[in-house]
Amino acid sequence: MSKLMKISEFTDDQSDKVIALWGECGLTRSWNNPEKDIVRKNSDKNGKFLIGQIDEVLMASIMIGYEGHRGSINYLAVDPVFSGAGYGKILVVEAEQLLLSVG
């Protein structure tokens, strides 16, 4: 049975854990600096950066963007230990709801 994932907004003290998660999920690239991506997302007023936790363990993330015309999703990640339980889908539904709310 899947455990309940708590979704909350990212905070700066979670950077190391989020970047480690992205590495585990194969999302980091040598030519792309994830720290800079986090700084850029934190300055974006038209989107959200959410994380998922189970039992206080950071195990998922999603960056949601909206540039006035279309929405975007970046760094959608679920720790492989929790893969296949529907947590990614839950985060995508959160993104859809946010993007529908802004048009």
PDB file of N, CA and C in Angstrom:
ATOM      1  N   MET A   1       0.838  -1.183   0.000  1.00  0.00           N
ATOM      2  CA  MET A   1       0.000   0.000   0.000  1.00  0.00           C
ATOM      3  C   MET A   1       0.887   1.251   0.000  1.00  0.00           C
ATOM      4  N   SER A   2       0.538   2.216  -0.813  1.00  0.00           N
ATOM      5  CA  SER A   2       1.305   3.452  -0.900  1.00  0.00           C
ATOM      6  C   SER A   2       1.092   4.303   0.343  1.00  0.00           C
ATOM      7  N   LYS A   3       2.153   4.962   0.741  1.00  0.00           N
ATOM      8  CA  LYS A   3       2.055   5.903   1.851  1.00  0.00           C
ATOM      9  C   LYS A   3       1.648   7.262   1.316  1.00  0.00           C
ATOM     10  N   LEU A   4       1.046   8.056   2.166  1.00  0.00           N
ATOM     11  CA  LEU A   4       0.599   9.389   1.794  1.00  0.00           C
ATOM     12  C   LEU A   4       1.795  10.322   1.611  1.00  0.00           C
ATOM     13  N   MET A   5       1.844  10.985   0.472  1.00  0.00           N
ATOM     14  CA  MET A   5       2.908  11.949   0.184  1.00  0.00           C
ATOM     15  C   MET A   5       2.425  13.335   0.587  1.00  0.00           C
ATOM     16  N   LYS A   6       3.219  14.014   1.379  1.00  0.00           N
ATOM     17  CA  LYS A   6       2.937  15.396   1.753  1.00  0.00           C
ATOM     18  C   LYS A   6       3.588  16.298   0.710  1.00  0.00           C
ATOM     19  N   ILE A   7       2.807  17.190   0.112  1.00  0.00           N
ATOM     20  CA  ILE A   7       3.313  18.128  -0.891  1.00  0.00           C
ATOM     21  C   ILE A   7       3.430  19.501  -0.258  1.00  0.00           C
ATOM     22  N   SER A   8       4.582  20.144  -0.470  1.00  0.00           N
ATOM     23  CA  SER A   8       4.786  21.493   0.054  1.00  0.00           C
ATOM     24  C   SER A   8       5.698  22.258  -0.897  1.00  0.00           C
ATOM     25  N   GLU A   9       5.777  23.549  -0.666  1.00  0.00           N
ATOM     26  CA  GLU A   9       6.670  24.368  -1.490  1.00  0.00           C
ATOM     27  C   GLU A   9       8.109  24.154  -1.054  1.00  0.00           C
ATOM     28  N   PHE A  10       8.988  24.157  -2.033  1.00  0.00           N
ATOM     29  CA  PHE A  10      10.416  24.018  -1.809  1.00  0.00           C
ATOM     30  C   PHE A  10      10.922  25.167  -0.943  1.00  0.00           C
ATOM     31  N   THR A  11      11.877  24.858  -0.063  1.00  0.00           N
ATOM     32  CA  THR A  11      12.588  25.884   0.698  1.00  0.00           C
ATOM     33  C   THR A  11      14.079  25.712   0.446  1.00  0.00           C
ATOM     34  N   ASP A  12      14.814  26.804   0.538  1.00  0.00           N
ATOM     35  CA  ASP A  12      16.237  26.796   0.177  1.00  0.00           C
ATOM     36  C   ASP A  12      17.057  25.760   0.935  1.00  0.00           C
ATOM     37  N   ASP A  13      16.692  25.434   2.159  1.00  0.00           N
ATOM     38  CA  ASP A  13      17.467  24.463   2.928  1.00  0.00           C
ATOM     39  C   ASP A  13      17.325  23.037   2.387  1.00  0.00           C
ATOM     40  N   GLN A  14      16.464  22.850   1.392  1.00  0.00           N
ATOM     41  CA  GLN A  14      16.272  21.528   0.786  1.00  0.00           C
ATOM     42  C   GLN A  14      17.081  21.335  -0.496  1.00  0.00           C
ATOM     43  N   SER A  15      17.880  22.330  -0.874  1.00  0.00           N
ATOM     44  CA  SER A  15      18.611  22.278  -2.147  1.00  0.00           C
ATOM     45  C   SER A  15      19.457  21.026  -2.306  1.00  0.00           C
ATOM     46  N   ASP A  16      20.274  20.705  -1.318  1.00  0.00           N
ATOM     47  CA  ASP A  16      21.159  19.543  -1.443  1.00  0.00           C
ATOM     48  C   ASP A  16      20.372  18.250  -1.632  1.00  0.00           C
ATOM     49  N   LYS A  17      19.287  18.097  -0.889  1.00  0.00           N
ATOM     50  CA  LYS A  17      18.473  16.885  -1.004  1.00  0.00           C
ATOM     51  C   LYS A  17      17.784  16.807  -2.360  1.00  0.00           C
ATOM     52  N   VAL A  18      17.291  17.940  -2.864  1.00  0.00           N
ATOM     53  CA  VAL A  18      16.624  17.960  -4.165  1.00  0.00           C
ATOM     54  C   VAL A  18      17.625  17.631  -5.271  1.00  0.00           C
ATOM     55  N   ILE A  19      18.799  18.219  -5.219  1.00  0.00           N
ATOM     56  CA  ILE A  19      19.802  17.962  -6.249  1.00  0.00           C
ATOM     57  C   ILE A  19      20.250  16.497  -6.205  1.00  0.00           C
ATOM     58  N   ALA A  20      20.370  15.936  -5.016  1.00  0.00           N
ATOM     59  CA  ALA A  20      20.709  14.509  -4.894  1.00  0.00           C
ATOM     60  C   ALA A  20      19.600  13.643  -5.502  1.00  0.00           C
ATOM     61  N   LEU A  21      18.337  14.015  -5.263  1.00  0.00           N
ATOM     62  CA  LEU A  21      17.205  13.300  -5.853  1.00  0.00           C
ATOM     63  C   LEU A  21      17.287  13.349  -7.369  1.00  0.00           C
ATOM     64  N   TRP A  22      17.537  14.534  -7.912  1.00  0.00           N
ATOM     65  CA  TRP A  22      17.635  14.672  -9.362  1.00  0.00           C
ATOM     66  C   TRP A  22      18.749  13.792  -9.927  1.00  0.00           C
ATOM     67  N   GLY A  23      19.860  13.703  -9.208  1.00  0.00           N
ATOM     68  CA  GLY A  23      20.947  12.824  -9.631  1.00  0.00           C
ATOM     69  C   GLY A  23      20.504  11.365  -9.641  1.00  0.00           C
ATOM     70  N   GLU A  24      19.808  10.938  -8.590  1.00  0.00           N
ATOM     71  CA  GLU A  24      19.302   9.563  -8.502  1.00  0.00           C
ATOM     72  C   GLU A  24      18.356   9.245  -9.652  1.00  0.00           C
ATOM     73  N   CYS A  25      17.622  10.251 -10.094  1.00  0.00           N
ATOM     74  CA  CYS A  25      16.635  10.061 -11.156  1.00  0.00           C
ATOM     75  C   CYS A  25      17.212  10.300 -12.550  1.00  0.00           C
ATOM     76  N   GLY A  26      18.491  10.631 -12.639  1.00  0.00           N
ATOM     77  CA  GLY A  26      19.130  10.847 -13.934  1.00  0.00           C
ATOM     78  C   GLY A  26      18.742  12.148 -14.610  1.00  0.00           C
ATOM     79  N   LEU A  27      18.365  13.150 -13.833  1.00  0.00           N
ATOM     80  CA  LEU A  27      17.925  14.424 -14.415  1.00  0.00           C
ATOM     81  C   LEU A  27      19.026  15.467 -14.548  1.00  0.00           C
ATOM     82  N   THR A  28      20.148  15.266 -13.907  1.00  0.00           N
ATOM     83  CA  THR A  28      21.211  16.269 -13.986  1.00  0.00           C
ATOM     84  C   THR A  28      22.081  16.014 -15.214  1.00  0.00           C
ATOM     85  N   ARG A  29      22.612  17.091 -15.744  1.00  0.00           N
ATOM     86  CA  ARG A  29      23.487  17.030 -16.920  1.00  0.00           C
ATOM     87  C   ARG A  29      24.725  17.862 -16.642  1.00  0.00           C
ATOM     88  N   SER A  30      25.838  17.462 -17.214  1.00  0.00           N
ATOM     89  CA  SER A  30      27.108  18.151 -16.960  1.00  0.00           C
ATOM     90  C   SER A  30      27.077  19.606 -17.433  1.00  0.00           C
ATOM     91  N   TRP A  31      26.306  19.909 -18.444  1.00  0.00           N
ATOM     92  CA  TRP A  31      26.257  21.260 -19.002  1.00  0.00           C
ATOM     93  C   TRP A  31      25.191  22.139 -18.338  1.00  0.00           C
ATOM     94  N   ASN A  32      24.478  21.600 -17.373  1.00  0.00           N
ATOM     95  CA  ASN A  32      23.393  22.339 -16.744  1.00  0.00           C
ATOM     96  C   ASN A  32      23.627  22.385 -15.237  1.00  0.00           C
ATOM     97  N   ASN A  33      23.594  23.581 -14.672  1.00  0.00           N
ATOM     98  CA  ASN A  33      23.859  23.755 -13.254  1.00  0.00           C
ATOM     99  C   ASN A  33      22.533  23.758 -12.478  1.00  0.00           C
ATOM    100  N   PRO A  34      22.258  22.699 -11.707  1.00  0.00           N
ATOM    101  CA  PRO A  34      20.977  22.652 -10.998  1.00  0.00           C
ATOM    102  C   PRO A  34      20.815  23.744  -9.946  1.00  0.00           C
ATOM    103  N   GLU A  35      21.921  24.204  -9.354  1.00  0.00           N
ATOM    104  CA  GLU A  35      21.822  25.300  -8.387  1.00  0.00           C
ATOM    105  C   GLU A  35      21.274  26.554  -9.049  1.00  0.00           C
ATOM    106  N   LYS A  36      21.742  26.836 -10.278  1.00  0.00           N
ATOM    107  CA  LYS A  36      21.240  28.003 -11.005  1.00  0.00           C
ATOM    108  C   LYS A  36      19.769  27.834 -11.382  1.00  0.00           C
ATOM    109  N   ASP A  37      19.381  26.601 -11.712  1.00  0.00           N
ATOM    110  CA  ASP A  37      17.972  26.351 -12.032  1.00  0.00           C
ATOM    111  C   ASP A  37      17.090  26.630 -10.814  1.00  0.00           C
ATOM    112  N   ILE A  38      17.570  26.259  -9.640  1.00  0.00           N
ATOM    113  CA  ILE A  38      16.810  26.508  -8.412  1.00  0.00           C
ATOM    114  C   ILE A  38      16.691  28.011  -8.162  1.00  0.00           C
ATOM    115  N   VAL A  39      17.779  28.744  -8.318  1.00  0.00           N
ATOM    116  CA  VAL A  39      17.749  30.197  -8.118  1.00  0.00           C
ATOM    117  C   VAL A  39      16.772  30.846  -9.100  1.00  0.00           C
ATOM    118  N   ARG A  40      16.835  30.424 -10.372  1.00  0.00           N
ATOM    119  CA  ARG A  40      15.920  30.980 -11.377  1.00  0.00           C
ATOM    120  C   ARG A  40      14.463  30.685 -11.019  1.00  0.00           C
ATOM    121  N   LYS A  41      14.186  29.452 -10.603  1.00  0.00           N
ATOM    122  CA  LYS A  41      12.807  29.089 -10.277  1.00  0.00           C
ATOM    123  C   LYS A  41      12.315  29.868  -9.060  1.00  0.00           C
ATOM    124  N   ASN A  42      13.179  30.086  -8.090  1.00  0.00           N
ATOM    125  CA  ASN A  42      12.775  30.837  -6.897  1.00  0.00           C
ATOM    126  C   ASN A  42      12.468  32.295  -7.208  1.00  0.00           C
ATOM    127  N   SER A  43      12.994  32.816  -8.314  1.00  0.00           N
ATOM    128  CA  SER A  43      12.705  34.197  -8.694  1.00  0.00           C
ATOM    129  C   SER A  43      11.511  34.291  -9.646  1.00  0.00           C
ATOM    130  N   ASP A  44      10.978  33.158 -10.064  1.00  0.00           N
ATOM    131  CA  ASP A  44       9.847  33.100 -10.986  1.00  0.00           C
ATOM    132  C   ASP A  44       8.550  33.258 -10.206  1.00  0.00           C
ATOM    133  N   LYS A  45       7.855  34.333 -10.442  1.00  0.00           N
ATOM    134  CA  LYS A  45       6.612  34.601  -9.724  1.00  0.00           C
ATOM    135  C   LYS A  45       5.403  33.920 -10.375  1.00  0.00           C
ATOM    136  N   ASN A  46       5.577  33.317 -11.539  1.00  0.00           N
ATOM    137  CA  ASN A  46       4.457  32.716 -12.263  1.00  0.00           C
ATOM    138  C   ASN A  46       4.455  31.186 -12.205  1.00  0.00           C
ATOM    139  N   GLY A  47       5.137  30.639 -11.258  1.00  0.00           N
ATOM    140  CA  GLY A  47       5.160  29.194 -11.168  1.00  0.00           C
ATOM    141  C   GLY A  47       5.353  28.756  -9.736  1.00  0.00           C
ATOM    142  N   LYS A  48       5.610  27.458  -9.579  1.00  0.00           N
ATOM    143  CA  LYS A  48       5.853  26.908  -8.255  1.00  0.00           C
ATOM    144  C   LYS A  48       6.930  25.841  -8.349  1.00  0.00           C
ATOM    145  N   PHE A  49       7.563  25.618  -7.234  1.00  0.00           N
ATOM    146  CA  PHE A  49       8.546  24.562  -7.075  1.00  0.00           C
ATOM    147  C   PHE A  49       8.074  23.760  -5.863  1.00  0.00           C
ATOM    148  N   LEU A  50       7.559  22.568  -6.136  1.00  0.00           N
ATOM    149  CA  LEU A  50       7.000  21.740  -5.085  1.00  0.00           C
ATOM    150  C   LEU A  50       7.874  20.518  -4.814  1.00  0.00           C
ATOM    151  N   ILE A  51       7.826  20.063  -3.591  1.00  0.00           N
ATOM    152  CA  ILE A  51       8.512  18.820  -3.228  1.00  0.00           C
ATOM    153  C   ILE A  51       7.491  17.898  -2.556  1.00  0.00           C
ATOM    154  N   GLY A  52       7.793  16.609  -2.636  1.00  0.00           N
ATOM    155  CA  GLY A  52       6.972  15.615  -1.967  1.00  0.00           C
ATOM    156  C   GLY A  52       7.798  14.924  -0.897  1.00  0.00           C
ATOM    157  N   GLN A  53       7.174  14.660   0.232  1.00  0.00           N
ATOM    158  CA  GLN A  53       7.856  13.973   1.326  1.00  0.00           C
ATOM    159  C   GLN A  53       6.967  12.855   1.864  1.00  0.00           C
ATOM    160  N   ILE A  54       7.614  11.783   2.255  1.00  0.00           N
ATOM    161  CA  ILE A  54       6.960  10.687   2.962  1.00  0.00           C
ATOM    162  C   ILE A  54       7.759  10.460   4.227  1.00  0.00           C
ATOM    163  N   ASP A  55       7.087  10.509   5.348  1.00  0.00           N
ATOM    164  CA  ASP A  55       7.755  10.348   6.647  1.00  0.00           C
ATOM    165  C   ASP A  55       8.953  11.295   6.770  1.00  0.00           C
ATOM    166  N   GLU A  56       8.753  12.541   6.331  1.00  0.00           N
ATOM    167  CA  GLU A  56       9.775  13.601   6.406  1.00  0.00           C
ATOM    168  C   GLU A  56      10.973  13.371   5.478  1.00  0.00           C
ATOM    169  N   VAL A  57      10.900  12.388   4.595  1.00  0.00           N
ATOM    170  CA  VAL A  57      11.969  12.119   3.631  1.00  0.00           C
ATOM    171  C   VAL A  57      11.586  12.744   2.298  1.00  0.00           C
ATOM    172  N   LEU A  58      12.425  13.647   1.787  1.00  0.00           N
ATOM    173  CA  LEU A  58      12.184  14.269   0.498  1.00  0.00           C
ATOM    174  C   LEU A  58      12.358  13.205  -0.583  1.00  0.00           C
ATOM    175  N   MET A  59      11.280  12.931  -1.333  1.00  0.00           N
ATOM    176  CA  MET A  59      11.326  11.850  -2.304  1.00  0.00           C
ATOM    177  C   MET A  59      10.754  12.219  -3.671  1.00  0.00           C
ATOM    178  N   ALA A  60      10.346  13.480  -3.855  1.00  0.00           N
ATOM    179  CA  ALA A  60       9.794  13.886  -5.141  1.00  0.00           C
ATOM    180  C   ALA A  60       9.911  15.392  -5.323  1.00  0.00           C
ATOM    181  N   SER A  61       9.903  15.811  -6.585  1.00  0.00           N
ATOM    182  CA  SER A  61       9.943  17.249  -6.877  1.00  0.00           C
ATOM    183  C   SER A  61       9.285  17.526  -8.221  1.00  0.00           C
ATOM    184  N   ILE A  62       8.865  18.777  -8.381  1.00  0.00           N
ATOM    185  CA  ILE A  62       8.351  19.259  -9.663  1.00  0.00           C
ATOM    186  C   ILE A  62       8.496  20.778  -9.700  1.00  0.00           C
ATOM    187  N   MET A  63       8.977  21.287 -10.813  1.00  0.00           N
ATOM    188  CA  MET A  63       9.000  22.726 -11.072  1.00  0.00           C
ATOM    189  C   MET A  63       7.910  23.003 -12.100  1.00  0.00           C
ATOM    190  N   ILE A  64       7.036  23.934 -11.768  1.00  0.00           N
ATOM    191  CA  ILE A  64       5.919  24.275 -12.634  1.00  0.00           C
ATOM    192  C   ILE A  64       6.115  25.711 -13.102  1.00  0.00           C
ATOM    193  N   GLY A  65       6.027  25.925 -14.391  1.00  0.00           N
ATOM    194  CA  GLY A  65       6.220  27.265 -14.930  1.00  0.00           C
ATOM    195  C   GLY A  65       5.047  27.720 -15.779  1.00  0.00           C
ATOM    196  N   TYR A  66       4.916  29.022 -15.882  1.00  0.00           N
ATOM    197  CA  TYR A  66       3.917  29.626 -16.759  1.00  0.00           C
ATOM    198  C   TYR A  66       4.479  30.946 -17.234  1.00  0.00           C
ATOM    199  N   GLU A  67       4.640  31.075 -18.557  1.00  0.00           N
ATOM    200  CA  GLU A  67       5.258  32.291 -19.092  1.00  0.00           C
ATOM    201  C   GLU A  67       4.243  33.223 -19.742  1.00  0.00           C
ATOM    202  N   GLY A  68       2.978  33.034 -19.418  1.00  0.00           N
ATOM    203  CA  GLY A  68       1.946  33.915 -19.946  1.00  0.00           C
ATOM    204  C   GLY A  68       1.201  33.333 -21.130  1.00  0.00           C
ATOM    205  N   HIS A  69       1.761  32.295 -21.741  1.00  0.00           N
ATOM    206  CA  HIS A  69       1.130  31.679 -22.906  1.00  0.00           C
ATOM    207  C   HIS A  69       0.954  30.176 -22.718  1.00  0.00           C
ATOM    208  N   ARG A  70       1.954  29.536 -22.139  1.00  0.00           N
ATOM    209  CA  ARG A  70       1.874  28.085 -21.943  1.00  0.00           C
ATOM    210  C   ARG A  70       2.553  27.682 -20.646  1.00  0.00           C
ATOM    211  N   GLY A  71       2.166  26.530 -20.164  1.00  0.00           N
ATOM    212  CA  GLY A  71       2.750  25.996 -18.936  1.00  0.00           C
ATOM    213  C   GLY A  71       3.894  25.051 -19.244  1.00  0.00           C
ATOM    214  N   SER A  72       4.687  24.801 -18.224  1.00  0.00           N
ATOM    215  CA  SER A  72       5.805  23.872 -18.384  1.00  0.00           C
ATOM    216  C   SER A  72       6.032  23.110 -17.084  1.00  0.00           C
ATOM    217  N   ILE A  73       6.636  21.951 -17.231  1.00  0.00           N
ATOM    218  CA  ILE A  73       7.028  21.134 -16.096  1.00  0.00           C
ATOM    219  C   ILE A  73       8.494  20.771 -16.280  1.00  0.00           C
ATOM    220  N   ASN A  74       9.263  20.985 -15.234  1.00  0.00           N
ATOM    221  CA  ASN A  74      10.676  20.605 -15.230  1.00  0.00           C
ATOM    222  C   ASN A  74      10.997  19.894 -13.926  1.00  0.00           C
ATOM    223  N   TYR A  75      12.049  19.128 -13.969  1.00  0.00           N
ATOM    224  CA  TYR A  75      12.549  18.414 -12.784  1.00  0.00           C
ATOM    225  C   TYR A  75      11.445  17.640 -12.068  1.00  0.00           C
ATOM    226  N   LEU A  76      10.593  16.977 -12.849  1.00  0.00           N
ATOM    227  CA  LEU A  76       9.631  16.046 -12.264  1.00  0.00           C
ATOM    228  C   LEU A  76      10.418  14.797 -11.888  1.00  0.00           C
ATOM    229  N   ALA A  77      10.516  14.538 -10.596  1.00  0.00           N
ATOM    230  CA  ALA A  77      11.339  13.431 -10.115  1.00  0.00           C
ATOM    231  C   ALA A  77      10.639  12.709  -8.969  1.00  0.00           C
ATOM    232  N   VAL A  78      10.746  11.390  -8.990  1.00  0.00           N
ATOM    233  CA  VAL A  78      10.297  10.561  -7.876  1.00  0.00           C
ATOM    234  C   VAL A  78      11.422   9.577  -7.599  1.00  0.00           C
ATOM    235  N   ASP A  79      11.870   9.544  -6.364  1.00  0.00           N
ATOM    236  CA  ASP A  79      12.923   8.620  -5.963  1.00  0.00           C
ATOM    237  C   ASP A  79      12.569   7.222  -6.466  1.00  0.00           C
ATOM    238  N   PRO A  80      13.519   6.542  -7.124  1.00  0.00           N
ATOM    239  CA  PRO A  80      13.247   5.198  -7.651  1.00  0.00           C
ATOM    240  C   PRO A  80      12.694   4.218  -6.605  1.00  0.00           C
ATOM    241  N   VAL A  81      13.016   4.419  -5.349  1.00  0.00           N
ATOM    242  CA  VAL A  81      12.474   3.560  -4.287  1.00  0.00           C
ATOM    243  C   VAL A  81      10.949   3.647  -4.241  1.00  0.00           C
ATOM    244  N   PHE A  82      10.401   4.812  -4.620  1.00  0.00           N
ATOM    245  CA  PHE A  82       8.964   5.050  -4.560  1.00  0.00           C
ATOM    246  C   PHE A  82       8.303   4.985  -5.931  1.00  0.00           C
ATOM    247  N   SER A  83       9.046   4.584  -6.938  1.00  0.00           N
ATOM    248  CA  SER A  83       8.556   4.554  -8.313  1.00  0.00           C
ATOM    249  C   SER A  83       7.395   3.572  -8.476  1.00  0.00           C
ATOM    250  N   GLY A  84       6.477   3.940  -9.345  1.00  0.00           N
ATOM    251  CA  GLY A  84       5.373   3.059  -9.683  1.00  0.00           C
ATOM    252  C   GLY A  84       4.174   3.136  -8.757  1.00  0.00           C
ATOM    253  N   ALA A  85       4.226   4.008  -7.762  1.00  0.00           N
ATOM    254  CA  ALA A  85       3.127   4.111  -6.799  1.00  0.00           C
ATOM    255  C   ALA A  85       2.170   5.260  -7.117  1.00  0.00           C
ATOM    256  N   GLY A  86       2.404   5.991  -8.202  1.00  0.00           N
ATOM    257  CA  GLY A  86       1.501   7.070  -8.593  1.00  0.00           C
ATOM    258  C   GLY A  86       1.859   8.447  -8.065  1.00  0.00           C
ATOM    259  N   TYR A  87       3.023   8.574  -7.421  1.00  0.00           N
ATOM    260  CA  TYR A  87       3.398   9.875  -6.856  1.00  0.00           C
ATOM    261  C   TYR A  87       3.680  10.915  -7.944  1.00  0.00           C
ATOM    262  N   GLY A  88       4.272  10.497  -9.041  1.00  0.00           N
ATOM    263  CA  GLY A  88       4.508  11.422 -10.150  1.00  0.00           C
ATOM    264  C   GLY A  88       3.199  11.956 -10.719  1.00  0.00           C
ATOM    265  N   LYS A  89       2.229  11.090 -10.856  1.00  0.00           N
ATOM    266  CA  LYS A  89       0.919  11.501 -11.354  1.00  0.00           C
ATOM    267  C   LYS A  89       0.270  12.516 -10.419  1.00  0.00           C
ATOM    268  N   ILE A  90       0.419  12.304  -9.122  1.00  0.00           N
ATOM    269  CA  ILE A  90      -0.136  13.251  -8.145  1.00  0.00           C
ATOM    270  C   ILE A  90       0.486  14.631  -8.338  1.00  0.00           C
ATOM    271  N   LEU A  91       1.801  14.681  -8.569  1.00  0.00           N
ATOM    272  CA  LEU A  91       2.471  15.968  -8.784  1.00  0.00           C
ATOM    273  C   LEU A  91       2.027  16.615 -10.088  1.00  0.00           C
ATOM    274  N   VAL A  92       1.810  15.823 -11.128  1.00  0.00           N
ATOM    275  CA  VAL A  92       1.344  16.376 -12.401  1.00  0.00           C
ATOM    276  C   VAL A  92      -0.065  16.948 -12.244  1.00  0.00           C
ATOM    277  N   VAL A  93      -0.914  16.297 -11.485  1.00  0.00           N
ATOM    278  CA  VAL A  93      -2.254  16.833 -11.216  1.00  0.00           C
ATOM    279  C   VAL A  93      -2.145  18.182 -10.498  1.00  0.00           C
ATOM    280  N   GLU A  94      -1.221  18.289  -9.543  1.00  0.00           N
ATOM    281  CA  GLU A  94      -0.986  19.578  -8.864  1.00  0.00           C
ATOM    282  C   GLU A  94      -0.593  20.646  -9.889  1.00  0.00           C
ATOM    283  N   ALA A  95       0.299  20.283 -10.818  1.00  0.00           N
ATOM    284  CA  ALA A  95       0.727  21.226 -11.853  1.00  0.00           C
ATOM    285  C   ALA A  95      -0.443  21.637 -12.732  1.00  0.00           C
ATOM    286  N   GLU A  96      -1.245  20.674 -13.146  1.00  0.00           N
ATOM    287  CA  GLU A  96      -2.408  20.975 -13.981  1.00  0.00           C
ATOM    288  C   GLU A  96      -3.354  21.940 -13.268  1.00  0.00           C
ATOM    289  N   GLN A  97      -3.606  21.697 -11.999  1.00  0.00           N
ATOM    290  CA  GLN A  97      -4.514  22.573 -11.244  1.00  0.00           C
ATOM    291  C   GLN A  97      -3.967  23.993 -11.174  1.00  0.00           C
ATOM    292  N   LEU A  98      -2.668  24.117 -10.907  1.00  0.00           N
ATOM    293  CA  LEU A  98      -2.054  25.450 -10.862  1.00  0.00           C
ATOM    294  C   LEU A  98      -2.170  26.141 -12.217  1.00  0.00           C
ATOM    295  N   LEU A  99      -1.830  25.436 -13.269  1.00  0.00           N
ATOM    296  CA  LEU A  99      -1.839  26.050 -14.598  1.00  0.00           C
ATOM    297  C   LEU A  99      -3.262  26.403 -15.048  1.00  0.00           C
ATOM    298  N   LEU A 100      -4.223  25.580 -14.717  1.00  0.00           N
ATOM    299  CA  LEU A 100      -5.610  25.919 -15.039  1.00  0.00           C
ATOM    300  C   LEU A 100      -6.066  27.153 -14.264  1.00  0.00           C
ATOM    301  N   SER A 101      -5.578  27.308 -13.053  1.00  0.00           N
ATOM    302  CA  SER A 101      -5.978  28.465 -12.239  1.00  0.00           C
ATOM    303  C   SER A 101      -5.432  29.783 -12.789  1.00  0.00           C
ATOM    304  N   VAL A 102      -4.330  29.730 -13.537  1.00  0.00           N
ATOM    305  CA  VAL A 102      -3.767  30.958 -14.110  1.00  0.00           C
ATOM    306  C   VAL A 102      -4.126  31.133 -15.576  1.00  0.00           C
ATOM    307  N   GLY A 103      -4.911  30.207 -16.103  1.00  0.00           N
ATOM    308  CA  GLY A 103      -5.422  30.343 -17.459  1.00  0.00           C
ATOM    309  C   GLY A 103      -4.607  29.644 -18.487  1.00  0.00           C
TER     310      GLY A 103
END
